[in-house]
Amino acid sequence: MIEIIIKPIISEKMTAITEKCPERYAFQVTPEANKIQIKNAVEKLYGVNVVSVNTMNVLPKVQSRWTRAGLIQGRKSQYKKAVVTLKKGETIDFFSHI
């Protein structure tokens, strides 16, 4: 159940969203996971009450750079992202284990 969540997403954009709505957090999850499995995994892993789960598939981005050999192109991998809304007043501390 816990292997559904790969890692929390801590980016500048997600930090701004969490500051505006303190009960929203984002996680990278396995592509096969559905909303019910994500909700149960977050509740079991962090001991919080989940109100809603929004999922989205993040499409791969094309990356390119110039080198001596010329232009090298590649792409980042695709992944599934879940934005979890917790019950009012509950928080998740990602940095408590450091």
N, C-alpha and C. Protein backbone atom coordinates (compact mmCIF):
# COMPACT_ATOMS: atom_id res chain seq x y z
N MET A 1 0.83 -1.19 0.00
CA MET A 1 0.00 0.00 0.00
C MET A 1 0.87 1.25 0.00
N ILE A 2 1.95 1.25 0.77
CA ILE A 2 2.77 2.44 0.88
C ILE A 2 3.64 2.63 -0.37
N GLU A 3 3.89 1.57 -1.15
CA GLU A 3 4.72 1.72 -2.34
C GLU A 3 3.99 2.47 -3.46
N ILE A 4 2.77 2.88 -3.24
CA ILE A 4 2.04 3.70 -4.22
C ILE A 4 2.66 5.08 -4.30
N ILE A 5 3.07 5.64 -3.17
CA ILE A 5 3.68 6.97 -3.14
C ILE A 5 5.17 6.83 -3.40
N ILE A 6 5.65 7.51 -4.44
CA ILE A 6 7.08 7.46 -4.77
C ILE A 6 7.84 8.49 -3.96
N LYS A 7 7.40 9.76 -4.02
CA LYS A 7 8.06 10.82 -3.26
C LYS A 7 7.16 12.04 -3.20
N PRO A 8 7.33 12.89 -2.18
CA PRO A 8 6.60 14.16 -2.17
C PRO A 8 7.23 15.14 -3.16
N ILE A 9 6.42 16.00 -3.73
CA ILE A 9 6.91 17.01 -4.67
C ILE A 9 7.09 18.30 -3.89
N ILE A 10 8.34 18.73 -3.76
CA ILE A 10 8.66 19.97 -3.05
C ILE A 10 9.34 20.88 -4.05
N SER A 11 8.55 21.71 -4.70
CA SER A 11 9.07 22.64 -5.69
C SER A 11 8.65 24.05 -5.30
N GLU A 12 9.15 25.01 -6.03
CA GLU A 12 8.81 26.40 -5.74
C GLU A 12 7.31 26.65 -5.96
N LYS A 13 6.77 26.07 -7.02
CA LYS A 13 5.35 26.25 -7.32
C LYS A 13 4.48 25.58 -6.27
N MET A 14 4.84 24.36 -5.86
CA MET A 14 4.05 23.65 -4.86
C MET A 14 4.17 24.30 -3.49
N THR A 15 5.31 24.87 -3.18
CA THR A 15 5.47 25.58 -1.91
C THR A 15 4.57 26.81 -1.87
N ALA A 16 4.43 27.51 -2.99
CA ALA A 16 3.54 28.67 -3.06
C ALA A 16 2.08 28.25 -2.87
N ILE A 17 1.71 27.12 -3.44
CA ILE A 17 0.34 26.62 -3.27
C ILE A 17 0.09 26.21 -1.82
N THR A 18 1.08 25.57 -1.18
CA THR A 18 0.93 25.14 0.21
C THR A 18 0.87 26.34 1.15
N GLU A 19 1.57 27.42 0.83
CA GLU A 19 1.48 28.62 1.66
C GLU A 19 0.10 29.27 1.54
N LYS A 20 -0.49 29.22 0.35
CA LYS A 20 -1.82 29.80 0.15
C LYS A 20 -2.90 28.91 0.77
N CYS A 21 -2.80 27.60 0.56
CA CYS A 21 -3.73 26.61 1.11
C CYS A 21 -2.91 25.61 1.92
N PRO A 22 -2.75 25.82 3.24
CA PRO A 22 -1.80 25.01 4.02
C PRO A 22 -2.13 23.53 4.12
N GLU A 23 -3.31 23.10 3.69
CA GLU A 23 -3.63 21.68 3.79
C GLU A 23 -3.51 20.94 2.46
N ARG A 24 -2.81 21.49 1.48
CA ARG A 24 -2.60 20.84 0.18
C ARG A 24 -1.14 20.42 0.01
N TYR A 25 -0.96 19.17 -0.42
CA TYR A 25 0.37 18.61 -0.64
C TYR A 25 0.36 17.81 -1.92
N ALA A 26 1.51 17.72 -2.60
CA ALA A 26 1.60 16.98 -3.86
C ALA A 26 2.58 15.83 -3.70
N PHE A 27 2.27 14.72 -4.37
CA PHE A 27 3.09 13.52 -4.34
C PHE A 27 3.24 12.97 -5.74
N GLN A 28 4.40 12.40 -6.03
CA GLN A 28 4.57 11.62 -7.25
C GLN A 28 4.16 10.20 -6.90
N VAL A 29 3.25 9.64 -7.69
CA VAL A 29 2.70 8.31 -7.41
C VAL A 29 2.90 7.39 -8.60
N THR A 30 2.68 6.11 -8.39
CA THR A 30 2.80 5.15 -9.50
C THR A 30 1.68 5.40 -10.50
N PRO A 31 1.93 5.16 -11.79
CA PRO A 31 0.92 5.45 -12.82
C PRO A 31 -0.35 4.61 -12.70
N GLU A 32 -0.28 3.44 -12.06
CA GLU A 32 -1.45 2.58 -11.93
C GLU A 32 -2.35 2.96 -10.76
N ALA A 33 -1.90 3.83 -9.88
CA ALA A 33 -2.63 4.14 -8.65
C ALA A 33 -3.89 4.95 -8.94
N ASN A 34 -4.97 4.62 -8.22
CA ASN A 34 -6.19 5.41 -8.34
C ASN A 34 -6.35 6.28 -7.09
N LYS A 35 -7.40 7.09 -7.07
CA LYS A 35 -7.57 8.06 -5.99
C LYS A 35 -7.80 7.39 -4.63
N ILE A 36 -8.51 6.30 -4.61
CA ILE A 36 -8.79 5.61 -3.34
C ILE A 36 -7.51 5.02 -2.77
N GLN A 37 -6.67 4.41 -3.62
CA GLN A 37 -5.41 3.84 -3.15
C GLN A 37 -4.48 4.94 -2.65
N ILE A 38 -4.44 6.08 -3.34
CA ILE A 38 -3.60 7.21 -2.92
C ILE A 38 -4.07 7.74 -1.58
N LYS A 39 -5.37 7.89 -1.41
CA LYS A 39 -5.93 8.38 -0.15
C LYS A 39 -5.56 7.45 1.00
N ASN A 40 -5.74 6.15 0.82
CA ASN A 40 -5.41 5.19 1.88
C ASN A 40 -3.92 5.17 2.19
N ALA A 41 -3.07 5.31 1.18
CA ALA A 41 -1.63 5.29 1.40
C ALA A 41 -1.17 6.52 2.18
N VAL A 42 -1.70 7.70 1.85
CA VAL A 42 -1.32 8.93 2.56
C VAL A 42 -1.80 8.88 4.00
N GLU A 43 -3.03 8.42 4.21
CA GLU A 43 -3.55 8.32 5.58
C GLU A 43 -2.74 7.34 6.42
N LYS A 44 -2.33 6.23 5.83
CA LYS A 44 -1.56 5.23 6.58
C LYS A 44 -0.13 5.70 6.84
N LEU A 45 0.49 6.34 5.84
CA LEU A 45 1.89 6.73 5.95
C LEU A 45 2.09 7.92 6.89
N TYR A 46 1.20 8.93 6.81
CA TYR A 46 1.39 10.16 7.59
C TYR A 46 0.41 10.32 8.74
N GLY A 47 -0.59 9.47 8.87
CA GLY A 47 -1.52 9.55 9.99
C GLY A 47 -2.40 10.78 9.95
N VAL A 48 -2.91 11.14 8.78
CA VAL A 48 -3.77 12.31 8.63
C VAL A 48 -5.08 11.89 7.97
N ASN A 49 -6.06 12.79 7.97
CA ASN A 49 -7.35 12.53 7.31
C ASN A 49 -7.37 13.26 5.98
N VAL A 50 -7.57 12.54 4.88
CA VAL A 50 -7.59 13.11 3.54
C VAL A 50 -9.02 13.41 3.15
N VAL A 51 -9.26 14.65 2.69
CA VAL A 51 -10.59 15.07 2.25
C VAL A 51 -10.78 14.77 0.77
N SER A 52 -9.80 15.14 -0.07
CA SER A 52 -9.94 14.90 -1.50
C SER A 52 -8.57 14.65 -2.12
N VAL A 53 -8.59 14.00 -3.30
CA VAL A 53 -7.38 13.70 -4.05
C VAL A 53 -7.63 14.09 -5.50
N ASN A 54 -6.75 14.90 -6.06
CA ASN A 54 -6.78 15.24 -7.48
C ASN A 54 -5.54 14.65 -8.13
N THR A 55 -5.73 13.95 -9.25
CA THR A 55 -4.60 13.35 -9.94
C THR A 55 -4.44 13.95 -11.33
N MET A 56 -3.20 13.91 -11.82
CA MET A 56 -2.92 14.38 -13.18
C MET A 56 -1.70 13.65 -13.71
N ASN A 57 -1.68 13.43 -15.02
CA ASN A 57 -0.53 12.85 -15.68
C ASN A 57 0.34 13.97 -16.22
N VAL A 58 1.58 14.05 -15.77
CA VAL A 58 2.51 15.08 -16.21
C VAL A 58 3.21 14.53 -17.45
N LEU A 59 3.04 15.22 -18.57
CA LEU A 59 3.60 14.76 -19.83
C LEU A 59 5.10 15.00 -19.87
N PRO A 60 5.82 14.20 -20.68
CA PRO A 60 7.28 14.38 -20.75
C PRO A 60 7.65 15.68 -21.45
N LYS A 61 8.73 16.30 -21.00
CA LYS A 61 9.21 17.55 -21.60
C LYS A 61 10.45 17.25 -22.43
N VAL A 62 10.56 17.91 -23.57
CA VAL A 62 11.72 17.75 -24.44
C VAL A 62 12.83 18.66 -23.93
N GLN A 63 14.02 18.09 -23.75
CA GLN A 63 15.17 18.85 -23.30
C GLN A 63 16.21 18.84 -24.42
N SER A 64 16.88 19.96 -24.62
CA SER A 64 17.94 20.00 -25.63
C SER A 64 19.07 20.89 -25.12
N ARG A 65 20.27 20.59 -25.59
CA ARG A 65 21.43 21.41 -25.22
C ARG A 65 22.45 21.34 -26.35
N TRP A 66 23.23 22.40 -26.45
CA TRP A 66 24.27 22.47 -27.47
C TRP A 66 25.58 21.98 -26.88
N THR A 67 26.27 21.11 -27.60
CA THR A 67 27.58 20.62 -27.20
C THR A 67 28.54 20.77 -28.39
N ARG A 68 29.76 20.33 -28.22
CA ARG A 68 30.71 20.38 -29.34
C ARG A 68 30.26 19.50 -30.50
N ALA A 69 29.62 18.41 -30.17
CA ALA A 69 29.15 17.48 -31.19
C ALA A 69 27.88 17.97 -31.88
N GLY A 70 27.27 19.02 -31.37
CA GLY A 70 26.05 19.54 -31.97
C GLY A 70 24.91 19.52 -30.96
N LEU A 71 23.72 19.54 -31.47
CA LEU A 71 22.52 19.58 -30.64
C LEU A 71 22.17 18.18 -30.15
N ILE A 72 22.02 18.03 -28.85
CA ILE A 72 21.62 16.76 -28.25
C ILE A 72 20.23 16.96 -27.68
N GLN A 73 19.31 16.09 -28.08
CA GLN A 73 17.94 16.18 -27.58
C GLN A 73 17.56 14.92 -26.83
N GLY A 74 16.74 15.09 -25.85
CA GLY A 74 16.22 13.98 -25.07
C GLY A 74 14.90 14.41 -24.46
N ARG A 75 14.36 13.57 -23.62
CA ARG A 75 13.12 13.94 -22.96
C ARG A 75 13.10 13.43 -21.53
N LYS A 76 12.44 14.20 -20.67
CA LYS A 76 12.25 13.77 -19.29
C LYS A 76 11.13 12.74 -19.26
N SER A 77 11.10 11.94 -18.23
CA SER A 77 10.11 10.88 -18.16
C SER A 77 8.75 11.41 -17.71
N GLN A 78 7.72 10.69 -18.09
CA GLN A 78 6.35 11.02 -17.71
C GLN A 78 6.07 10.44 -16.34
N TYR A 79 5.23 11.11 -15.54
CA TYR A 79 4.86 10.59 -14.23
C TYR A 79 3.46 11.04 -13.86
N LYS A 80 2.93 10.46 -12.81
CA LYS A 80 1.61 10.80 -12.32
C LYS A 80 1.75 11.58 -11.02
N LYS A 81 1.00 12.67 -10.91
CA LYS A 81 1.07 13.53 -9.74
C LYS A 81 -0.29 13.54 -9.05
N ALA A 82 -0.28 13.52 -7.73
CA ALA A 82 -1.50 13.58 -6.94
C ALA A 82 -1.42 14.76 -5.98
N VAL A 83 -2.43 15.63 -6.02
CA VAL A 83 -2.53 16.74 -5.07
C VAL A 83 -3.57 16.34 -4.04
N VAL A 84 -3.13 16.25 -2.78
CA VAL A 84 -3.96 15.75 -1.69
C VAL A 84 -4.37 16.92 -0.81
N THR A 85 -5.67 17.02 -0.50
CA THR A 85 -6.18 18.03 0.41
C THR A 85 -6.53 17.35 1.73
N LEU A 86 -5.96 17.86 2.82
CA LEU A 86 -6.18 17.28 4.15
C LEU A 86 -7.33 17.97 4.84
N LYS A 87 -7.75 17.38 5.96
CA LYS A 87 -8.78 17.97 6.80
C LYS A 87 -8.26 19.28 7.37
N LYS A 88 -9.14 20.23 7.59
CA LYS A 88 -8.77 21.56 8.07
C LYS A 88 -7.96 21.46 9.37
N GLY A 89 -6.80 22.12 9.38
CA GLY A 89 -5.97 22.16 10.57
C GLY A 89 -4.89 21.09 10.64
N GLU A 90 -4.89 20.12 9.73
CA GLU A 90 -3.88 19.07 9.74
C GLU A 90 -2.75 19.41 8.76
N THR A 91 -1.53 19.02 9.12
CA THR A 91 -0.37 19.28 8.28
C THR A 91 0.51 18.04 8.22
N ILE A 92 1.39 18.02 7.20
CA ILE A 92 2.39 16.96 7.06
C ILE A 92 3.74 17.63 7.13
N ASP A 93 4.63 17.10 7.99
CA ASP A 93 5.98 17.64 8.11
C ASP A 93 6.95 16.66 7.41
N PHE A 94 7.42 17.05 6.22
CA PHE A 94 8.32 16.19 5.46
C PHE A 94 9.72 16.16 6.03
N PHE A 95 10.12 17.18 6.78
CA PHE A 95 11.48 17.33 7.23
C PHE A 95 11.69 16.92 8.68
N SER A 96 10.75 16.20 9.28
CA SER A 96 10.90 15.81 10.67
C SER A 96 11.87 14.66 10.87
N HIS A 97 12.15 13.88 9.80
CA HIS A 97 13.03 12.72 9.92
C HIS A 97 14.49 13.05 9.63
N ILE A 98 14.78 14.30 9.31
CA ILE A 98 16.16 14.69 8.95
C ILE A 98 16.98 14.89 10.20
